[in-house]
Amino acid sequence: MADPLDNPLPKLELELRRGVLVIAVLSQLREVQYGYSLRQALARRGMPIEEGTLYPLLRRLEKQGVLASEWRIEDGPPRRYYRLNDAGEALLAELTASWRALVGTMAGLLEGSAP
């Protein structure tokens, strides 16, 4: 039987995903969402995230001043809704530019082209 430690791929893929969670979450908070709806939106787009990862991340981003939140009571239990504020919009724009530059760099590295 193969030793799971012999295959580093799952752990390395997890590290890659963790590295892009902030930009993924911010990209989905251009529209107001609560935690569960955000998890669903990310999962539909191929970026599943565990509750134990998402909620601490949302609290940290709010504490850093890039998200606004409010409690709402609608057709069920109270829910905390999150959205980007102006600082969050600016951060998302900067991270998007950085991401696009990084993708270009990585494409060059993976294709073996010189700078």
N, C-alpha and C. Protein backbone atom coordinates (compact mmCIF):
# COMPACT_ATOMS: atom_id res chain seq x y z
N MET A 1 0.85 -1.17 0.00
CA MET A 1 0.00 0.00 0.00
C MET A 1 0.90 1.24 0.00
N ALA A 2 0.54 2.23 -0.79
CA ALA A 2 1.34 3.45 -0.91
C ALA A 2 1.19 4.30 0.34
N ASP A 3 2.28 4.85 0.76
CA ASP A 3 2.30 5.74 1.92
C ASP A 3 1.81 7.12 1.48
N PRO A 4 0.77 7.69 2.13
CA PRO A 4 0.27 9.01 1.74
C PRO A 4 1.34 10.09 1.80
N LEU A 5 2.36 9.87 2.61
CA LEU A 5 3.44 10.86 2.70
C LEU A 5 4.31 10.86 1.46
N ASP A 6 4.21 9.80 0.64
CA ASP A 6 4.99 9.73 -0.59
C ASP A 6 4.48 10.69 -1.65
N ASN A 7 3.25 11.14 -1.52
CA ASN A 7 2.66 12.04 -2.51
C ASN A 7 2.49 13.43 -1.90
N PRO A 8 3.38 14.35 -2.21
CA PRO A 8 3.28 15.69 -1.63
C PRO A 8 2.24 16.58 -2.31
N LEU A 9 1.67 16.13 -3.44
CA LEU A 9 0.78 16.98 -4.23
C LEU A 9 -0.41 17.54 -3.45
N PRO A 10 -1.18 16.75 -2.72
CA PRO A 10 -2.34 17.33 -2.02
C PRO A 10 -1.96 18.46 -1.06
N LYS A 11 -0.89 18.28 -0.33
CA LYS A 11 -0.47 19.31 0.62
C LYS A 11 0.00 20.57 -0.12
N LEU A 12 0.72 20.39 -1.21
CA LEU A 12 1.19 21.54 -1.98
C LEU A 12 0.04 22.27 -2.67
N GLU A 13 -0.95 21.52 -3.15
CA GLU A 13 -2.13 22.17 -3.73
C GLU A 13 -2.87 22.99 -2.69
N LEU A 14 -2.96 22.47 -1.47
CA LEU A 14 -3.60 23.20 -0.38
C LEU A 14 -2.86 24.50 -0.09
N GLU A 15 -1.54 24.46 -0.10
CA GLU A 15 -0.74 25.67 0.11
C GLU A 15 -1.02 26.70 -0.99
N LEU A 16 -1.12 26.25 -2.23
CA LEU A 16 -1.43 27.17 -3.33
C LEU A 16 -2.78 27.84 -3.11
N ARG A 17 -3.78 27.05 -2.72
CA ARG A 17 -5.12 27.59 -2.50
C ARG A 17 -5.12 28.60 -1.36
N ARG A 18 -4.42 28.28 -0.29
CA ARG A 18 -4.37 29.20 0.85
C ARG A 18 -3.77 30.54 0.44
N GLY A 19 -2.83 30.49 -0.48
CA GLY A 19 -2.16 31.72 -0.91
C GLY A 19 -3.06 32.67 -1.68
N VAL A 20 -4.17 32.16 -2.20
CA VAL A 20 -5.05 33.02 -2.99
C VAL A 20 -6.41 33.25 -2.33
N LEU A 21 -6.59 32.77 -1.11
CA LEU A 21 -7.90 32.90 -0.45
C LEU A 21 -8.32 34.34 -0.25
N VAL A 22 -7.40 35.20 0.13
CA VAL A 22 -7.79 36.60 0.39
C VAL A 22 -8.36 37.24 -0.87
N ILE A 23 -7.65 37.11 -1.98
CA ILE A 23 -8.14 37.74 -3.21
C ILE A 23 -9.44 37.07 -3.67
N ALA A 24 -9.56 35.76 -3.47
CA ALA A 24 -10.80 35.07 -3.85
C ALA A 24 -11.98 35.59 -3.03
N VAL A 25 -11.79 35.72 -1.73
CA VAL A 25 -12.86 36.21 -0.85
C VAL A 25 -13.20 37.66 -1.20
N LEU A 26 -12.20 38.50 -1.33
CA LEU A 26 -12.46 39.90 -1.66
C LEU A 26 -13.21 40.03 -2.98
N SER A 27 -12.85 39.20 -3.96
CA SER A 27 -13.50 39.29 -5.27
C SER A 27 -15.00 39.00 -5.19
N GLN A 28 -15.40 38.20 -4.23
CA GLN A 28 -16.81 37.84 -4.09
C GLN A 28 -17.58 38.78 -3.18
N LEU A 29 -16.87 39.68 -2.51
CA LEU A 29 -17.54 40.61 -1.60
C LEU A 29 -17.74 41.99 -2.23
N ARG A 30 -17.65 42.07 -3.54
CA ARG A 30 -18.06 43.30 -4.22
C ARG A 30 -19.57 43.44 -4.08
N GLU A 31 -20.22 42.30 -3.85
CA GLU A 31 -21.65 42.26 -3.56
C GLU A 31 -21.83 41.78 -2.13
N VAL A 32 -22.83 42.28 -1.45
CA VAL A 32 -23.07 41.94 -0.05
C VAL A 32 -23.41 40.45 0.06
N GLN A 33 -22.75 39.78 1.01
CA GLN A 33 -23.01 38.36 1.24
C GLN A 33 -22.81 38.04 2.71
N TYR A 34 -23.48 36.99 3.16
CA TYR A 34 -23.20 36.46 4.50
C TYR A 34 -22.30 35.25 4.33
N GLY A 35 -21.75 34.76 5.42
CA GLY A 35 -20.73 33.73 5.35
C GLY A 35 -21.10 32.50 4.55
N TYR A 36 -22.27 31.93 4.81
CA TYR A 36 -22.65 30.71 4.10
C TYR A 36 -22.82 30.95 2.61
N SER A 37 -23.44 32.07 2.24
CA SER A 37 -23.62 32.36 0.81
C SER A 37 -22.27 32.60 0.14
N LEU A 38 -21.34 33.17 0.87
CA LEU A 38 -19.99 33.38 0.35
C LEU A 38 -19.29 32.04 0.12
N ARG A 39 -19.42 31.14 1.09
CA ARG A 39 -18.84 29.79 0.93
C ARG A 39 -19.42 29.10 -0.29
N GLN A 40 -20.72 29.21 -0.49
CA GLN A 40 -21.36 28.59 -1.65
C GLN A 40 -20.85 29.20 -2.95
N ALA A 41 -20.76 30.53 -3.00
CA ALA A 41 -20.29 31.21 -4.21
C ALA A 41 -18.87 30.78 -4.55
N LEU A 42 -18.02 30.72 -3.55
CA LEU A 42 -16.64 30.30 -3.79
C LEU A 42 -16.59 28.84 -4.25
N ALA A 43 -17.36 27.98 -3.63
CA ALA A 43 -17.36 26.56 -4.01
C ALA A 43 -17.85 26.38 -5.44
N ARG A 44 -18.89 27.12 -5.83
CA ARG A 44 -19.41 27.03 -7.21
C ARG A 44 -18.34 27.41 -8.23
N ARG A 45 -17.43 28.27 -7.82
CA ARG A 45 -16.38 28.73 -8.73
C ARG A 45 -15.09 27.94 -8.56
N GLY A 46 -15.17 26.82 -7.85
CA GLY A 46 -14.01 25.94 -7.73
C GLY A 46 -13.06 26.27 -6.61
N MET A 47 -13.50 27.09 -5.65
CA MET A 47 -12.64 27.49 -4.54
C MET A 47 -13.34 27.20 -3.22
N PRO A 48 -13.51 25.92 -2.88
CA PRO A 48 -14.17 25.61 -1.59
C PRO A 48 -13.33 26.10 -0.43
N ILE A 49 -14.01 26.50 0.63
CA ILE A 49 -13.32 27.01 1.82
C ILE A 49 -14.08 26.52 3.05
N GLU A 50 -13.36 26.07 4.03
CA GLU A 50 -13.97 25.57 5.26
C GLU A 50 -14.43 26.74 6.13
N GLU A 51 -15.48 26.50 6.92
CA GLU A 51 -15.97 27.53 7.85
C GLU A 51 -14.87 28.00 8.78
N GLY A 52 -14.08 27.06 9.26
CA GLY A 52 -13.01 27.38 10.20
C GLY A 52 -11.90 28.20 9.60
N THR A 53 -11.89 28.32 8.29
CA THR A 53 -10.93 29.18 7.59
C THR A 53 -11.59 30.50 7.23
N LEU A 54 -12.82 30.43 6.74
CA LEU A 54 -13.50 31.62 6.24
C LEU A 54 -13.80 32.64 7.32
N TYR A 55 -14.43 32.22 8.41
CA TYR A 55 -14.89 33.20 9.40
C TYR A 55 -13.73 33.94 10.09
N PRO A 56 -12.65 33.27 10.46
CA PRO A 56 -11.51 34.03 10.99
C PRO A 56 -10.93 35.00 9.95
N LEU A 57 -10.92 34.58 8.67
CA LEU A 57 -10.43 35.46 7.62
C LEU A 57 -11.31 36.69 7.49
N LEU A 58 -12.63 36.51 7.53
CA LEU A 58 -13.54 37.66 7.45
C LEU A 58 -13.33 38.61 8.62
N ARG A 59 -13.17 38.06 9.82
CA ARG A 59 -12.94 38.92 10.99
C ARG A 59 -11.62 39.69 10.86
N ARG A 60 -10.60 39.00 10.36
CA ARG A 60 -9.29 39.66 10.20
C ARG A 60 -9.37 40.77 9.16
N LEU A 61 -10.03 40.52 8.04
CA LEU A 61 -10.16 41.54 7.00
C LEU A 61 -10.98 42.73 7.49
N GLU A 62 -12.00 42.46 8.30
CA GLU A 62 -12.79 43.56 8.86
C GLU A 62 -11.93 44.37 9.83
N LYS A 63 -11.16 43.68 10.65
CA LYS A 63 -10.29 44.37 11.61
C LYS A 63 -9.23 45.21 10.88
N GLN A 64 -8.80 44.74 9.72
CA GLN A 64 -7.82 45.48 8.93
C GLN A 64 -8.43 46.65 8.18
N GLY A 65 -9.75 46.78 8.26
CA GLY A 65 -10.42 47.94 7.69
C GLY A 65 -10.76 47.85 6.22
N VAL A 66 -10.86 46.63 5.66
CA VAL A 66 -11.19 46.50 4.25
C VAL A 66 -12.59 45.95 4.00
N LEU A 67 -13.27 45.54 5.08
CA LEU A 67 -14.64 45.05 4.97
C LEU A 67 -15.53 45.82 5.93
N ALA A 68 -16.78 45.94 5.55
CA ALA A 68 -17.81 46.44 6.45
C ALA A 68 -18.79 45.29 6.66
N SER A 69 -19.41 45.26 7.82
CA SER A 69 -20.40 44.21 8.07
C SER A 69 -21.56 44.79 8.86
N GLU A 70 -22.67 44.09 8.76
CA GLU A 70 -23.85 44.47 9.53
C GLU A 70 -24.69 43.23 9.77
N TRP A 71 -25.37 43.22 10.91
CA TRP A 71 -26.29 42.13 11.22
C TRP A 71 -27.63 42.45 10.61
N ARG A 72 -28.25 41.43 10.00
CA ARG A 72 -29.59 41.58 9.43
C ARG A 72 -30.45 40.42 9.90
N ILE A 73 -31.71 40.74 10.13
CA ILE A 73 -32.69 39.70 10.44
C ILE A 73 -33.70 39.74 9.31
N GLU A 74 -33.72 38.66 8.54
CA GLU A 74 -34.66 38.60 7.43
C GLU A 74 -35.58 37.41 7.64
N ASP A 75 -35.54 36.41 6.79
CA ASP A 75 -36.48 35.28 6.89
C ASP A 75 -35.98 34.15 7.78
N GLY A 76 -35.04 34.39 8.62
CA GLY A 76 -34.51 33.32 9.45
C GLY A 76 -33.69 33.91 10.58
N PRO A 77 -32.67 33.19 10.95
CA PRO A 77 -31.82 33.68 12.04
C PRO A 77 -31.04 34.92 11.63
N PRO A 78 -30.59 35.71 12.59
CA PRO A 78 -29.77 36.88 12.25
C PRO A 78 -28.51 36.42 11.52
N ARG A 79 -28.13 37.19 10.52
CA ARG A 79 -26.92 36.88 9.75
C ARG A 79 -26.06 38.12 9.64
N ARG A 80 -24.77 37.89 9.68
CA ARG A 80 -23.83 38.99 9.51
C ARG A 80 -23.47 39.07 8.02
N TYR A 81 -23.76 40.20 7.42
CA TYR A 81 -23.49 40.42 6.00
C TYR A 81 -22.22 41.25 5.86
N TYR A 82 -21.40 40.86 4.88
CA TYR A 82 -20.12 41.51 4.64
C TYR A 82 -20.10 42.10 3.24
N ARG A 83 -19.31 43.16 3.10
CA ARG A 83 -19.08 43.76 1.78
C ARG A 83 -17.76 44.52 1.83
N LEU A 84 -17.20 44.74 0.65
CA LEU A 84 -16.00 45.57 0.58
C LEU A 84 -16.38 47.01 0.88
N ASN A 85 -15.51 47.71 1.58
CA ASN A 85 -15.66 49.16 1.71
C ASN A 85 -14.70 49.79 0.70
N ASP A 86 -14.53 51.10 0.73
CA ASP A 86 -13.66 51.76 -0.24
C ASP A 86 -12.22 51.25 -0.15
N ALA A 87 -11.74 51.05 1.07
CA ALA A 87 -10.37 50.54 1.24
C ALA A 87 -10.27 49.12 0.69
N GLY A 88 -11.32 48.34 0.84
CA GLY A 88 -11.34 46.98 0.30
C GLY A 88 -11.35 46.97 -1.21
N GLU A 89 -12.11 47.89 -1.81
CA GLU A 89 -12.12 48.01 -3.28
C GLU A 89 -10.72 48.35 -3.79
N ALA A 90 -10.06 49.29 -3.10
CA ALA A 90 -8.70 49.68 -3.51
C ALA A 90 -7.73 48.51 -3.35
N LEU A 91 -7.85 47.80 -2.23
CA LEU A 91 -6.98 46.65 -2.01
C LEU A 91 -7.21 45.58 -3.06
N LEU A 92 -8.47 45.31 -3.38
CA LEU A 92 -8.77 44.31 -4.40
C LEU A 92 -8.17 44.71 -5.75
N ALA A 93 -8.25 45.97 -6.10
CA ALA A 93 -7.66 46.43 -7.36
C ALA A 93 -6.15 46.21 -7.36
N GLU A 94 -5.49 46.53 -6.25
CA GLU A 94 -4.04 46.34 -6.16
C GLU A 94 -3.67 44.86 -6.20
N LEU A 95 -4.41 44.05 -5.46
CA LEU A 95 -4.13 42.61 -5.47
C LEU A 95 -4.40 41.99 -6.83
N THR A 96 -5.43 42.48 -7.53
CA THR A 96 -5.72 41.98 -8.87
C THR A 96 -4.57 42.29 -9.82
N ALA A 97 -4.04 43.49 -9.75
CA ALA A 97 -2.88 43.85 -10.59
C ALA A 97 -1.68 42.98 -10.23
N SER A 98 -1.44 42.78 -8.95
CA SER A 98 -0.33 41.92 -8.52
C SER A 98 -0.54 40.49 -9.00
N TRP A 99 -1.77 40.01 -8.90
CA TRP A 99 -2.08 38.65 -9.33
C TRP A 99 -1.81 38.49 -10.83
N ARG A 100 -2.26 39.44 -11.62
CA ARG A 100 -2.06 39.35 -13.08
C ARG A 100 -0.58 39.37 -13.43
N ALA A 101 0.19 40.20 -12.73
CA ALA A 101 1.64 40.22 -12.96
C ALA A 101 2.26 38.89 -12.58
N LEU A 102 1.83 38.33 -11.47
CA LEU A 102 2.36 37.04 -11.01
C LEU A 102 2.02 35.92 -11.99
N VAL A 103 0.80 35.93 -12.50
CA VAL A 103 0.40 34.92 -13.49
C VAL A 103 1.30 35.01 -14.72
N GLY A 104 1.58 36.23 -15.16
CA GLY A 104 2.47 36.41 -16.31
C GLY A 104 3.87 35.90 -16.02
N THR A 105 4.37 36.20 -14.84
CA THR A 105 5.70 35.72 -14.44
C THR A 105 5.73 34.20 -14.39
N MET A 106 4.72 33.62 -13.77
CA MET A 106 4.67 32.16 -13.66
C MET A 106 4.54 31.49 -15.02
N ALA A 107 3.76 32.09 -15.91
CA ALA A 107 3.63 31.53 -17.26
C ALA A 107 4.99 31.50 -17.93
N GLY A 108 5.74 32.57 -17.79
CA GLY A 108 7.09 32.61 -18.37
C GLY A 108 7.99 31.56 -17.75
N LEU A 109 7.93 31.42 -16.44
CA LEU A 109 8.76 30.41 -15.77
C LEU A 109 8.38 29.00 -16.20
N LEU A 110 7.10 28.73 -16.26
CA LEU A 110 6.64 27.39 -16.61
C LEU A 110 6.91 27.05 -18.07
N GLU A 111 6.89 28.06 -18.92
CA GLU A 111 7.18 27.84 -20.34
C GLU A 111 8.67 27.90 -20.63
N GLY A 112 9.45 28.30 -19.63
CA GLY A 112 10.89 28.36 -19.80
C GLY A 112 11.39 29.54 -20.61
N SER A 113 10.59 30.60 -20.73
CA SER A 113 11.03 31.76 -21.50
C SER A 113 11.86 32.68 -20.62
N ALA A 114 12.73 33.42 -21.27
CA ALA A 114 13.60 34.37 -20.56
C ALA A 114 12.84 35.67 -20.32
N PRO A 115 13.24 36.42 -19.30
CA PRO A 115 12.55 37.70 -19.01
C PRO A 115 12.76 38.72 -20.11
